[in-house]
């Protein structure tokens, strides 16, 4: 496909993504996947084109829209020791008991 055909085919959708203020996460993620597909196609077939820069900047804006709106923990250290670590230990308790038994048998 020629570059002009590629641009004509997708430019309307890119403008909608650029100007639209979607709030549904599924629609935003679908747009991001489509943009990444377009970007990979453009980078493969038109490596030194300005369209790469445009689609890349548009996809980075959508990426930021998806991942910078996530709520961050105030204290990740506390979260690890109070929630993640005990869950990991509890999930693998049998393996830990077997490893401890083998260790103690080896020591004796």
PDB file of N, CA and C in Angstrom:
ATOM      1  N   UNK A   1       0.850  -1.161   0.000  1.00  0.00           N
ATOM      2  CA  UNK A   1       0.000   0.000   0.000  1.00  0.00           C
ATOM      3  C   UNK A   1       0.907   1.240   0.000  1.00  0.00           C
ATOM      4  N   UNK A   2       0.568   2.192  -0.802  1.00  0.00           N
ATOM      5  CA  UNK A   2       1.331   3.431  -0.853  1.00  0.00           C
ATOM      6  C   UNK A   2       1.072   4.238   0.404  1.00  0.00           C
ATOM      7  N   UNK A   3       2.017   5.088   0.725  1.00  0.00           N
ATOM      8  CA  UNK A   3       1.906   5.869   1.954  1.00  0.00           C
ATOM      9  C   UNK A   3       0.686   6.776   1.934  1.00  0.00           C
ATOM     10  N   UNK A   4       0.394   7.377   0.815  1.00  0.00           N
ATOM     11  CA  UNK A   4      -0.770   8.268   0.726  1.00  0.00           C
ATOM     12  C   UNK A   4      -2.071   7.495   0.942  1.00  0.00           C
ATOM     13  N   UNK A   5      -2.150   6.283   0.423  1.00  0.00           N
ATOM     14  CA  UNK A   5      -3.343   5.454   0.665  1.00  0.00           C
ATOM     15  C   UNK A   5      -3.473   5.081   2.142  1.00  0.00           C
ATOM     16  N   UNK A   6      -2.338   4.754   2.759  1.00  0.00           N
ATOM     17  CA  UNK A   6      -2.326   4.414   4.182  1.00  0.00           C
ATOM     18  C   UNK A   6      -2.822   5.595   5.020  1.00  0.00           C
ATOM     19  N   UNK A   7      -2.353   6.785   4.701  1.00  0.00           N
ATOM     20  CA  UNK A   7      -2.759   7.978   5.435  1.00  0.00           C
ATOM     21  C   UNK A   7      -4.238   8.273   5.207  1.00  0.00           C
ATOM     22  N   UNK A   8      -4.678   8.206   3.957  1.00  0.00           N
ATOM     23  CA  UNK A   8      -6.094   8.470   3.656  1.00  0.00           C
ATOM     24  C   UNK A   8      -7.014   7.478   4.349  1.00  0.00           C
ATOM     25  N   UNK A   9      -6.583   6.235   4.408  1.00  0.00           N
ATOM     26  CA  UNK A   9      -7.405   5.191   5.016  1.00  0.00           C
ATOM     27  C   UNK A   9      -7.563   5.394   6.526  1.00  0.00           C
ATOM     28  N   UNK A  10      -6.522   5.890   7.191  1.00  0.00           N
ATOM     29  CA  UNK A  10      -6.525   5.930   8.653  1.00  0.00           C
ATOM     30  C   UNK A  10      -6.623   7.323   9.262  1.00  0.00           C
ATOM     31  N   UNK A  11      -6.483   8.374   8.461  1.00  0.00           N
ATOM     32  CA  UNK A  11      -6.398   9.716   9.022  1.00  0.00           C
ATOM     33  C   UNK A  11      -7.669  10.132   9.752  1.00  0.00           C
ATOM     34  N   UNK A  12      -8.811   9.746   9.256  1.00  0.00           N
ATOM     35  CA  UNK A  12     -10.075  10.104   9.911  1.00  0.00           C
ATOM     36  C   UNK A  12     -10.135   9.495  11.314  1.00  0.00           C
ATOM     37  N   UNK A  13      -9.740   8.245  11.435  1.00  0.00           N
ATOM     38  CA  UNK A  13      -9.741   7.569  12.731  1.00  0.00           C
ATOM     39  C   UNK A  13      -8.720   8.223  13.676  1.00  0.00           C
ATOM     40  N   UNK A  14      -7.560   8.603  13.146  1.00  0.00           N
ATOM     41  CA  UNK A  14      -6.547   9.266  13.965  1.00  0.00           C
ATOM     42  C   UNK A  14      -7.041  10.619  14.469  1.00  0.00           C
ATOM     43  N   UNK A  15      -7.725  11.342  13.622  1.00  0.00           N
ATOM     44  CA  UNK A  15      -8.281  12.633  14.055  1.00  0.00           C
ATOM     45  C   UNK A  15      -9.329  12.442  15.145  1.00  0.00           C
ATOM     46  N   UNK A  16     -10.163  11.410  15.007  1.00  0.00           N
ATOM     47  CA  UNK A  16     -11.162  11.132  16.037  1.00  0.00           C
ATOM     48  C   UNK A  16     -10.499  10.799  17.369  1.00  0.00           C
ATOM     49  N   UNK A  17      -9.430  10.012  17.308  1.00  0.00           N
ATOM     50  CA  UNK A  17      -8.710   9.650  18.528  1.00  0.00           C
ATOM     51  C   UNK A  17      -8.063  10.889  19.138  1.00  0.00           C
ATOM     52  N   UNK A  18      -7.509  11.742  18.277  1.00  0.00           N
ATOM     53  CA  UNK A  18      -6.827  12.932  18.765  1.00  0.00           C
ATOM     54  C   UNK A  18      -7.792  13.935  19.392  1.00  0.00           C
ATOM     55  N   UNK A  19      -8.962  14.084  18.831  1.00  0.00           N
ATOM     56  CA  UNK A  19      -9.908  15.096  19.295  1.00  0.00           C
ATOM     57  C   UNK A  19     -10.936  14.579  20.290  1.00  0.00           C
ATOM     58  N   UNK A  20     -11.053  13.275  20.415  1.00  0.00           N
ATOM     59  CA  UNK A  20     -12.104  12.701  21.246  1.00  0.00           C
ATOM     60  C   UNK A  20     -11.641  12.600  22.693  1.00  0.00           C
ATOM     61  N   UNK A  21     -12.574  12.838  23.599  1.00  0.00           N
ATOM     62  CA  UNK A  21     -12.299  12.711  25.024  1.00  0.00           C
ATOM     63  C   UNK A  21     -13.053  11.511  25.575  1.00  0.00           C
ATOM     64  N   UNK A  22     -12.625  10.333  25.193  1.00  0.00           N
ATOM     65  CA  UNK A  22     -13.289   9.111  25.648  1.00  0.00           C
ATOM     66  C   UNK A  22     -12.942   8.844  27.098  1.00  0.00           C
ATOM     67  N   UNK A  23     -13.899   8.263  27.797  1.00  0.00           N
ATOM     68  CA  UNK A  23     -13.669   7.894  29.187  1.00  0.00           C
ATOM     69  C   UNK A  23     -13.778   6.395  29.414  1.00  0.00           C
ATOM     70  N   UNK A  24     -14.334   5.666  28.453  1.00  0.00           N
ATOM     71  CA  UNK A  24     -14.466   4.222  28.596  1.00  0.00           C
ATOM     72  C   UNK A  24     -13.099   3.566  28.398  1.00  0.00           C
ATOM     73  N   UNK A  25     -12.597   2.842  29.388  1.00  0.00           N
ATOM     74  CA  UNK A  25     -11.268   2.233  29.268  1.00  0.00           C
ATOM     75  C   UNK A  25     -11.155   1.224  28.127  1.00  0.00           C
ATOM     76  N   UNK A  26     -12.253   0.518  27.827  1.00  0.00           N
ATOM     77  CA  UNK A  26     -12.207  -0.455  26.741  1.00  0.00           C
ATOM     78  C   UNK A  26     -12.021   0.227  25.393  1.00  0.00           C
ATOM     79  N   UNK A  27     -12.700   1.343  25.192  1.00  0.00           N
ATOM     80  CA  UNK A  27     -12.547   2.079  23.933  1.00  0.00           C
ATOM     81  C   UNK A  27     -11.152   2.678  23.812  1.00  0.00           C
ATOM     82  N   UNK A  28     -10.640   3.205  24.905  1.00  0.00           N
ATOM     83  CA  UNK A  28      -9.300   3.793  24.890  1.00  0.00           C
ATOM     84  C   UNK A  28      -8.253   2.724  24.603  1.00  0.00           C
ATOM     85  N   UNK A  29      -8.380   1.565  25.225  1.00  0.00           N
ATOM     86  CA  UNK A  29      -7.408   0.497  24.983  1.00  0.00           C
ATOM     87  C   UNK A  29      -7.524  -0.041  23.563  1.00  0.00           C
ATOM     88  N   UNK A  30      -8.727  -0.097  23.032  1.00  0.00           N
ATOM     89  CA  UNK A  30      -8.905  -0.517  21.643  1.00  0.00           C
ATOM     90  C   UNK A  30      -8.245   0.479  20.685  1.00  0.00           C
ATOM     91  N   UNK A  31      -8.416   1.768  20.966  1.00  0.00           N
ATOM     92  CA  UNK A  31      -7.749   2.789  20.158  1.00  0.00           C
ATOM     93  C   UNK A  31      -6.234   2.652  20.248  1.00  0.00           C
ATOM     94  N   UNK A  32      -5.726   2.373  21.439  1.00  0.00           N
ATOM     95  CA  UNK A  32      -4.282   2.230  21.622  1.00  0.00           C
ATOM     96  C   UNK A  32      -3.753   1.039  20.824  1.00  0.00           C
ATOM     97  N   UNK A  33      -4.461  -0.064  20.846  1.00  0.00           N
ATOM     98  CA  UNK A  33      -4.035  -1.246  20.090  1.00  0.00           C
ATOM     99  C   UNK A  33      -4.033  -0.946  18.595  1.00  0.00           C
ATOM    100  N   UNK A  34      -5.079  -0.274  18.115  1.00  0.00           N
ATOM    101  CA  UNK A  34      -5.131   0.099  16.703  1.00  0.00           C
ATOM    102  C   UNK A  34      -3.985   1.030  16.328  1.00  0.00           C
ATOM    103  N   UNK A  35      -3.688   1.987  17.200  1.00  0.00           N
ATOM    104  CA  UNK A  35      -2.583   2.906  16.933  1.00  0.00           C
ATOM    105  C   UNK A  35      -1.242   2.182  16.906  1.00  0.00           C
ATOM    106  N   UNK A  36      -1.051   1.244  17.803  1.00  0.00           N
ATOM    107  CA  UNK A  36       0.206   0.501  17.810  1.00  0.00           C
ATOM    108  C   UNK A  36       0.339  -0.353  16.555  1.00  0.00           C
ATOM    109  N   UNK A  37      -0.768  -0.910  16.084  1.00  0.00           N
ATOM    110  CA  UNK A  37      -0.729  -1.660  14.828  1.00  0.00           C
ATOM    111  C   UNK A  37      -0.379  -0.742  13.658  1.00  0.00           C
ATOM    112  N   UNK A  38      -0.989   0.439  13.636  1.00  0.00           N
ATOM    113  CA  UNK A  38      -0.683   1.403  12.580  1.00  0.00           C
ATOM    114  C   UNK A  38       0.768   1.863  12.656  1.00  0.00           C
ATOM    115  N   UNK A  39       1.250   2.069  13.860  1.00  0.00           N
ATOM    116  CA  UNK A  39       2.631   2.511  14.035  1.00  0.00           C
ATOM    117  C   UNK A  39       3.618   1.448  13.565  1.00  0.00           C
ATOM    118  N   UNK A  40       3.359   0.212  13.907  1.00  0.00           N
ATOM    119  CA  UNK A  40       4.273  -0.849  13.467  1.00  0.00           C
ATOM    120  C   UNK A  40       4.250  -1.001  11.946  1.00  0.00           C
ATOM    121  N   UNK A  41       3.078  -0.863  11.346  1.00  0.00           N
ATOM    122  CA  UNK A  41       2.979  -0.936   9.885  1.00  0.00           C
ATOM    123  C   UNK A  41       3.739   0.225   9.252  1.00  0.00           C
ATOM    124  N   UNK A  42       3.559   1.416   9.807  1.00  0.00           N
ATOM    125  CA  UNK A  42       4.228   2.590   9.247  1.00  0.00           C
ATOM    126  C   UNK A  42       5.741   2.490   9.413  1.00  0.00           C
ATOM    127  N   UNK A  43       6.203   2.007  10.540  1.00  0.00           N
ATOM    128  CA  UNK A  43       7.638   1.879  10.764  1.00  0.00           C
ATOM    129  C   UNK A  43       8.249   0.824   9.854  1.00  0.00           C
ATOM    130  N   UNK A  44       7.483  -0.191   9.531  1.00  0.00           N
ATOM    131  CA  UNK A  44       7.989  -1.236   8.645  1.00  0.00           C
ATOM    132  C   UNK A  44       8.038  -0.771   7.197  1.00  0.00           C
ATOM    133  N   UNK A  45       6.974  -0.144   6.740  1.00  0.00           N
ATOM    134  CA  UNK A  45       6.866   0.175   5.316  1.00  0.00           C
ATOM    135  C   UNK A  45       7.327   1.586   4.960  1.00  0.00           C
ATOM    136  N   UNK A  46       7.297   2.508   5.904  1.00  0.00           N
ATOM    137  CA  UNK A  46       7.697   3.902   5.636  1.00  0.00           C
ATOM    138  C   UNK A  46       8.628   4.371   6.757  1.00  0.00           C
ATOM    139  N   UNK A  47       9.845   3.823   6.834  1.00  0.00           N
ATOM    140  CA  UNK A  47      10.697   4.070   8.004  1.00  0.00           C
ATOM    141  C   UNK A  47      11.155   5.516   8.192  1.00  0.00           C
ATOM    142  N   UNK A  48      11.251   6.304   7.125  1.00  0.00           N
ATOM    143  CA  UNK A  48      11.761   7.669   7.262  1.00  0.00           C
ATOM    144  C   UNK A  48      10.684   8.707   6.983  1.00  0.00           C
ATOM    145  N   UNK A  49       9.457   8.384   7.306  1.00  0.00           N
ATOM    146  CA  UNK A  49       8.338   9.261   7.006  1.00  0.00           C
ATOM    147  C   UNK A  49       7.914  10.048   8.243  1.00  0.00           C
ATOM    148  N   UNK A  50       7.265  11.171   7.999  1.00  0.00           N
ATOM    149  CA  UNK A  50       6.724  11.984   9.092  1.00  0.00           C
ATOM    150  C   UNK A  50       5.523  11.314   9.751  1.00  0.00           C
ATOM    151  N   UNK A  51       4.895  10.393   9.054  1.00  0.00           N
ATOM    152  CA  UNK A  51       3.717   9.726   9.606  1.00  0.00           C
ATOM    153  C   UNK A  51       4.092   8.904  10.841  1.00  0.00           C
ATOM    154  N   UNK A  52       5.323   8.401  10.880  1.00  0.00           N
ATOM    155  CA  UNK A  52       5.794   7.671  12.058  1.00  0.00           C
ATOM    156  C   UNK A  52       5.784   8.566  13.289  1.00  0.00           C
ATOM    157  N   UNK A  53       6.260   9.774  13.143  1.00  0.00           N
ATOM    158  CA  UNK A  53       6.301  10.706  14.267  1.00  0.00           C
ATOM    159  C   UNK A  53       4.888  11.049  14.742  1.00  0.00           C
ATOM    160  N   UNK A  54       3.997  11.266  13.786  1.00  0.00           N
ATOM    161  CA  UNK A  54       2.622  11.634  14.140  1.00  0.00           C
ATOM    162  C   UNK A  54       1.921  10.498  14.892  1.00  0.00           C
ATOM    163  N   UNK A  55       1.985   9.301  14.348  1.00  0.00           N
ATOM    164  CA  UNK A  55       1.296   8.167  14.987  1.00  0.00           C
ATOM    165  C   UNK A  55       1.970   7.829  16.312  1.00  0.00           C
ATOM    166  N   UNK A  56       3.283   7.971  16.375  1.00  0.00           N
ATOM    167  CA  UNK A  56       3.993   7.708  17.620  1.00  0.00           C
ATOM    168  C   UNK A  56       3.583   8.707  18.705  1.00  0.00           C
ATOM    169  N   UNK A  57       3.497   9.977  18.358  1.00  0.00           N
ATOM    170  CA  UNK A  57       3.084  10.970  19.355  1.00  0.00           C
ATOM    171  C   UNK A  57       1.637  10.751  19.789  1.00  0.00           C
ATOM    172  N   UNK A  58       0.795  10.392  18.846  1.00  0.00           N
ATOM    173  CA  UNK A  58      -0.605  10.124  19.176  1.00  0.00           C
ATOM    174  C   UNK A  58      -0.722   8.898  20.087  1.00  0.00           C
ATOM    175  N   UNK A  59       0.022   7.853  19.780  1.00  0.00           N
ATOM    176  CA  UNK A  59      -0.035   6.648  20.618  1.00  0.00           C
ATOM    177  C   UNK A  59       0.550   6.906  21.998  1.00  0.00           C
ATOM    178  N   UNK A  60       1.571   7.768  22.092  1.00  0.00           N
ATOM    179  CA  UNK A  60       2.118   8.075  23.419  1.00  0.00           C
ATOM    180  C   UNK A  60       1.114   8.860  24.259  1.00  0.00           C
ATOM    181  N   UNK A  61       0.338   9.734  23.636  1.00  0.00           N
ATOM    182  CA  UNK A  61      -0.708  10.456  24.382  1.00  0.00           C
ATOM    183  C   UNK A  61      -1.776   9.500  24.895  1.00  0.00           C
ATOM    184  N   UNK A  62      -2.174   8.550  24.056  1.00  0.00           N
ATOM    185  CA  UNK A  62      -3.186   7.582  24.490  1.00  0.00           C
ATOM    186  C   UNK A  62      -2.615   6.686  25.585  1.00  0.00           C
ATOM    187  N   UNK A  63      -1.344   6.307  25.462  1.00  0.00           N
ATOM    188  CA  UNK A  63      -0.693   5.493  26.493  1.00  0.00           C
ATOM    189  C   UNK A  63      -0.700   6.221  27.835  1.00  0.00           C
ATOM    190  N   UNK A  64      -0.343   7.499  27.815  1.00  0.00           N
ATOM    191  CA  UNK A  64      -0.345   8.282  29.049  1.00  0.00           C
ATOM    192  C   UNK A  64      -1.749   8.397  29.624  1.00  0.00           C
ATOM    193  N   UNK A  65      -2.723   8.518  28.737  1.00  0.00           N
ATOM    194  CA  UNK A  65      -4.118   8.604  29.181  1.00  0.00           C
ATOM    195  C   UNK A  65      -4.533   7.319  29.904  1.00  0.00           C
ATOM    196  N   UNK A  66      -4.024   6.192  29.443  1.00  0.00           N
ATOM    197  CA  UNK A  66      -4.380   4.910  30.058  1.00  0.00           C
ATOM    198  C   UNK A  66      -3.636   4.714  31.373  1.00  0.00           C
ATOM    199  N   UNK A  67      -2.322   4.882  31.355  1.00  0.00           N
ATOM    200  CA  UNK A  67      -1.514   4.438  32.485  1.00  0.00           C
ATOM    201  C   UNK A  67      -1.211   5.513  33.512  1.00  0.00           C
ATOM    202  N   UNK A  68      -1.361   6.778  33.205  1.00  0.00           N
ATOM    203  CA  UNK A  68      -1.096   7.798  34.207  1.00  0.00           C
ATOM    204  C   UNK A  68      -2.318   8.098  35.053  1.00  0.00           C
ATOM    205  N   UNK A  69      -3.466   7.564  34.701  1.00  0.00           N
ATOM    206  CA  UNK A  69      -4.669   7.776  35.493  1.00  0.00           C
ATOM    207  C   UNK A  69      -4.856   6.709  36.555  1.00  0.00           C
ATOM    208  N   UNK A  70      -3.964   5.731  36.596  1.00  0.00           N
ATOM    209  CA  UNK A  70      -4.097   4.689  37.593  1.00  0.00           C
ATOM    210  C   UNK A  70      -3.753   5.236  38.976  1.00  0.00           C
ATOM    211  N   UNK A  71      -4.469   4.761  39.947  1.00  0.00           N
ATOM    212  CA  UNK A  71      -4.224   5.199  41.312  1.00  0.00           C
ATOM    213  C   UNK A  71      -2.947   4.525  41.830  1.00  0.00           C
ATOM    214  N   UNK A  72      -2.057   5.317  42.371  1.00  0.00           N
ATOM    215  CA  UNK A  72      -0.803   4.808  42.917  1.00  0.00           C
ATOM    216  C   UNK A  72      -0.928   4.642  44.428  1.00  0.00           C
ATOM    217  N   UNK A  73      -0.249   3.636  44.952  1.00  0.00           N
ATOM    218  CA  UNK A  73      -0.226   3.455  46.398  1.00  0.00           C
ATOM    219  C   UNK A  73       0.581   4.570  47.039  1.00  0.00           C
ATOM    220  N   UNK A  74       0.122   5.007  48.205  1.00  0.00           N
ATOM    221  CA  UNK A  74       0.846   6.058  48.907  1.00  0.00           C
ATOM    222  C   UNK A  74       2.145   5.526  49.495  1.00  0.00           C
ATOM    223  N   UNK A  75       2.119   4.286  49.971  1.00  0.00           N
ATOM    224  CA  UNK A  75       3.301   3.709  50.577  1.00  0.00           C
ATOM    225  C   UNK A  75       3.493   2.296  50.021  1.00  0.00           C
ATOM    226  N   UNK A  76       4.237   2.129  48.939  1.00  0.00           N
ATOM    227  CA  UNK A  76       4.400   0.799  48.355  1.00  0.00           C
ATOM    228  C   UNK A  76       5.181  -0.161  49.262  1.00  0.00           C
ATOM    229  N   UNK A  77       6.076   0.367  50.101  1.00  0.00           N
ATOM    230  CA  UNK A  77       6.823  -0.478  51.031  1.00  0.00           C
ATOM    231  C   UNK A  77       5.872  -1.154  52.016  1.00  0.00           C
ATOM    232  N   UNK A  78       4.955  -0.384  52.574  1.00  0.00           N
ATOM    233  CA  UNK A  78       3.952  -0.916  53.492  1.00  0.00           C
ATOM    234  C   UNK A  78       3.047  -1.931  52.775  1.00  0.00           C
ATOM    235  N   UNK A  79       2.632  -1.585  51.569  1.00  0.00           N
ATOM    236  CA  UNK A  79       1.761  -2.466  50.795  1.00  0.00           C
ATOM    237  C   UNK A  79       2.433  -3.821  50.546  1.00  0.00           C
ATOM    238  N   UNK A  80       3.729  -3.802  50.254  1.00  0.00           N
ATOM    239  CA  UNK A  80       4.449  -5.054  50.011  1.00  0.00           C
ATOM    240  C   UNK A  80       4.473  -5.919  51.261  1.00  0.00           C
ATOM    241  N   UNK A  81       4.880  -5.354  52.406  1.00  0.00           N
ATOM    242  CA  UNK A  81       5.044  -6.153  53.608  1.00  0.00           C
ATOM    243  C   UNK A  81       3.734  -6.559  54.258  1.00  0.00           C
ATOM    244  N   UNK A  82       2.677  -5.800  54.057  1.00  0.00           N
ATOM    245  CA  UNK A  82       1.408  -6.108  54.705  1.00  0.00           C
ATOM    246  C   UNK A  82       0.499  -6.948  53.811  1.00  0.00           C
ATOM    247  N   UNK A  83       0.565  -6.763  52.492  1.00  0.00           N
ATOM    248  CA  UNK A  83      -0.365  -7.459  51.606  1.00  0.00           C
ATOM    249  C   UNK A  83       0.315  -8.452  50.670  1.00  0.00           C
ATOM    250  N   UNK A  84       1.273  -8.000  49.876  1.00  0.00           N
ATOM    251  CA  UNK A  84       1.853  -8.861  48.840  1.00  0.00           C
ATOM    252  C   UNK A  84       2.679 -10.009  49.411  1.00  0.00           C
ATOM    253  N   UNK A  85       3.567  -9.716  50.348  1.00  0.00           N
ATOM    254  CA  UNK A  85       4.444 -10.741  50.906  1.00  0.00           C
ATOM    255  C   UNK A  85       3.668 -11.843  51.630  1.00  0.00           C
ATOM    256  N   UNK A  86       2.736 -11.508  52.531  1.00  0.00           N
ATOM    257  CA  UNK A  86       1.962 -12.589  53.179  1.00  0.00           C
ATOM    258  C   UNK A  86       1.143 -13.425  52.193  1.00  0.00           C
ATOM    259  N   UNK A  87       0.616 -12.784  51.150  1.00  0.00           N
ATOM    260  CA  UNK A  87      -0.125 -13.560  50.155  1.00  0.00           C
ATOM    261  C   UNK A  87       0.784 -14.524  49.407  1.00  0.00           C
ATOM    262  N   UNK A  88       1.988 -14.090  49.092  1.00  0.00           N
ATOM    263  CA  UNK A  88       2.945 -14.950  48.398  1.00  0.00           C
ATOM    264  C   UNK A  88       3.366 -16.115  49.285  1.00  0.00           C
ATOM    265  N   UNK A  89       3.637 -15.835  50.547  1.00  0.00           N
ATOM    266  CA  UNK A  89       4.010 -16.895  51.495  1.00  0.00           C
ATOM    267  C   UNK A  89       2.854 -17.877  51.660  1.00  0.00           C
ATOM    268  N   UNK A  90       1.651 -17.360  51.842  1.00  0.00           N
ATOM    269  CA  UNK A  90       0.489 -18.229  52.009  1.00  0.00           C
ATOM    270  C   UNK A  90       0.215 -19.078  50.781  1.00  0.00           C
ATOM    271  N   UNK A  91       0.468 -18.539  49.631  1.00  0.00           N
ATOM    272  CA  UNK A  91       0.219 -19.278  48.389  1.00  0.00           C
ATOM    273  C   UNK A  91       1.246 -20.398  48.195  1.00  0.00           C
ATOM    274  N   UNK A  92       2.451 -20.221  48.704  1.00  0.00           N
ATOM    275  CA  UNK A  92       3.532 -21.193  48.499  1.00  0.00           C
ATOM    276  C   UNK A  92       3.961 -21.865  49.796  1.00  0.00           C
ATOM    277  N   UNK A  93       3.056 -22.005  50.758  1.00  0.00           N
ATOM    278  CA  UNK A  93       3.419 -22.519  52.077  1.00  0.00           C
ATOM    279  C   UNK A  93       3.906 -23.972  52.025  1.00  0.00           C
ATOM    280  N   UNK A  94       3.320 -24.813  51.185  1.00  0.00           N
ATOM    281  CA  UNK A  94       3.752 -26.219  51.088  1.00  0.00           C
ATOM    282  C   UNK A  94       5.183 -26.327  50.582  1.00  0.00           C
ATOM    283  N   UNK A  95       5.503 -25.544  49.597  1.00  0.00           N
ATOM    284  CA  UNK A  95       6.859 -25.569  49.046  1.00  0.00           C
ATOM    285  C   UNK A  95       7.857 -25.117  50.104  1.00  0.00           C
ATOM    286  N   UNK A  96       7.489 -24.121  50.882  1.00  0.00           N
ATOM    287  CA  UNK A  96       8.382 -23.647  51.938  1.00  0.00           C
ATOM    288  C   UNK A  96       8.580 -24.701  53.024  1.00  0.00           C
ATOM    289  N   UNK A  97       7.535 -25.425  53.391  1.00  0.00           N
ATOM    290  CA  UNK A  97       7.670 -26.485  54.397  1.00  0.00           C
ATOM    291  C   UNK A  97       8.553 -27.617  53.891  1.00  0.00           C
ATOM    292  N   UNK A  98       8.384 -27.988  52.636  1.00  0.00           N
ATOM    293  CA  UNK A  98       9.220 -29.050  52.061  1.00  0.00           C
ATOM    294  C   UNK A  98      10.679 -28.594  51.999  1.00  0.00           C
ATOM    295  N   UNK A  99      10.923 -27.372  51.583  1.00  0.00           N
ATOM    296  CA  UNK A  99      12.284 -26.857  51.515  1.00  0.00           C
ATOM    297  C   UNK A  99      12.919 -26.794  52.901  1.00  0.00           C
ATOM    298  N   UNK A 100      12.140 -26.388  53.901  1.00  0.00           N
ATOM    299  CA  UNK A 100      12.652 -26.332  55.273  1.00  0.00           C
ATOM    300  C   UNK A 100      12.977 -27.735  55.777  1.00  0.00           C
ATOM    301  N   UNK A 101      12.122 -28.700  55.497  1.00  0.00           N
ATOM    302  CA  UNK A 101      12.363 -30.083  55.923  1.00  0.00           C
ATOM    303  C   UNK A 101      13.612 -30.644  55.273  1.00  0.00           C
ATOM    304  N   UNK A 102      13.783 -30.422  54.002  1.00  0.00           N
ATOM    305  CA  UNK A 102      14.983 -30.911  53.300  1.00  0.00           C
ATOM    306  C   UNK A 102      16.233 -30.246  53.857  1.00  0.00           C
ATOM    307  N   UNK A 103      16.168 -28.959  54.148  1.00  0.00           N
ATOM    308  CA  UNK A 103      17.292 -28.241  54.718  1.00  0.00           C
ATOM    309  C   UNK A 103      17.675 -28.809  56.079  1.00  0.00           C
ATOM    310  N   UNK A 104      16.659 -29.012  56.943  1.00  0.00           N
ATOM    311  CA  UNK A 104      16.942 -29.514  58.280  1.00  0.00           C
ATOM    312  C   UNK A 104      17.471 -30.935  58.242  1.00  0.00           C
ATOM    313  N   UNK A 105      16.974 -31.787  57.346  1.00  0.00           N
ATOM    314  CA  UNK A 105      17.510 -33.139  57.192  1.00  0.00           C
ATOM    315  C   UNK A 105      18.960 -33.107  56.717  1.00  0.00           C
ATOM    316  N   UNK A 106      19.255 -32.172  55.852  1.00  0.00           N
ATOM    317  CA  UNK A 106      20.637 -32.048  55.350  1.00  0.00           C
ATOM    318  C   UNK A 106      21.576 -31.573  56.443  1.00  0.00           C
ATOM    319  N   UNK A 107      21.104 -30.705  57.305  1.00  0.00           N
ATOM    320  CA  UNK A 107      21.950 -30.194  58.393  1.00  0.00           C
ATOM    321  C   UNK A 107      22.249 -31.304  59.383  1.00  0.00           C
ATOM    322  N   UNK A 108      21.239 -32.128  59.701  1.00  0.00           N
ATOM    323  CA  UNK A 108      21.455 -33.213  60.686  1.00  0.00           C
ATOM    324  C   UNK A 108      22.220 -34.336  60.042  1.00  0.00           C
TER     325      UNK A 108
END
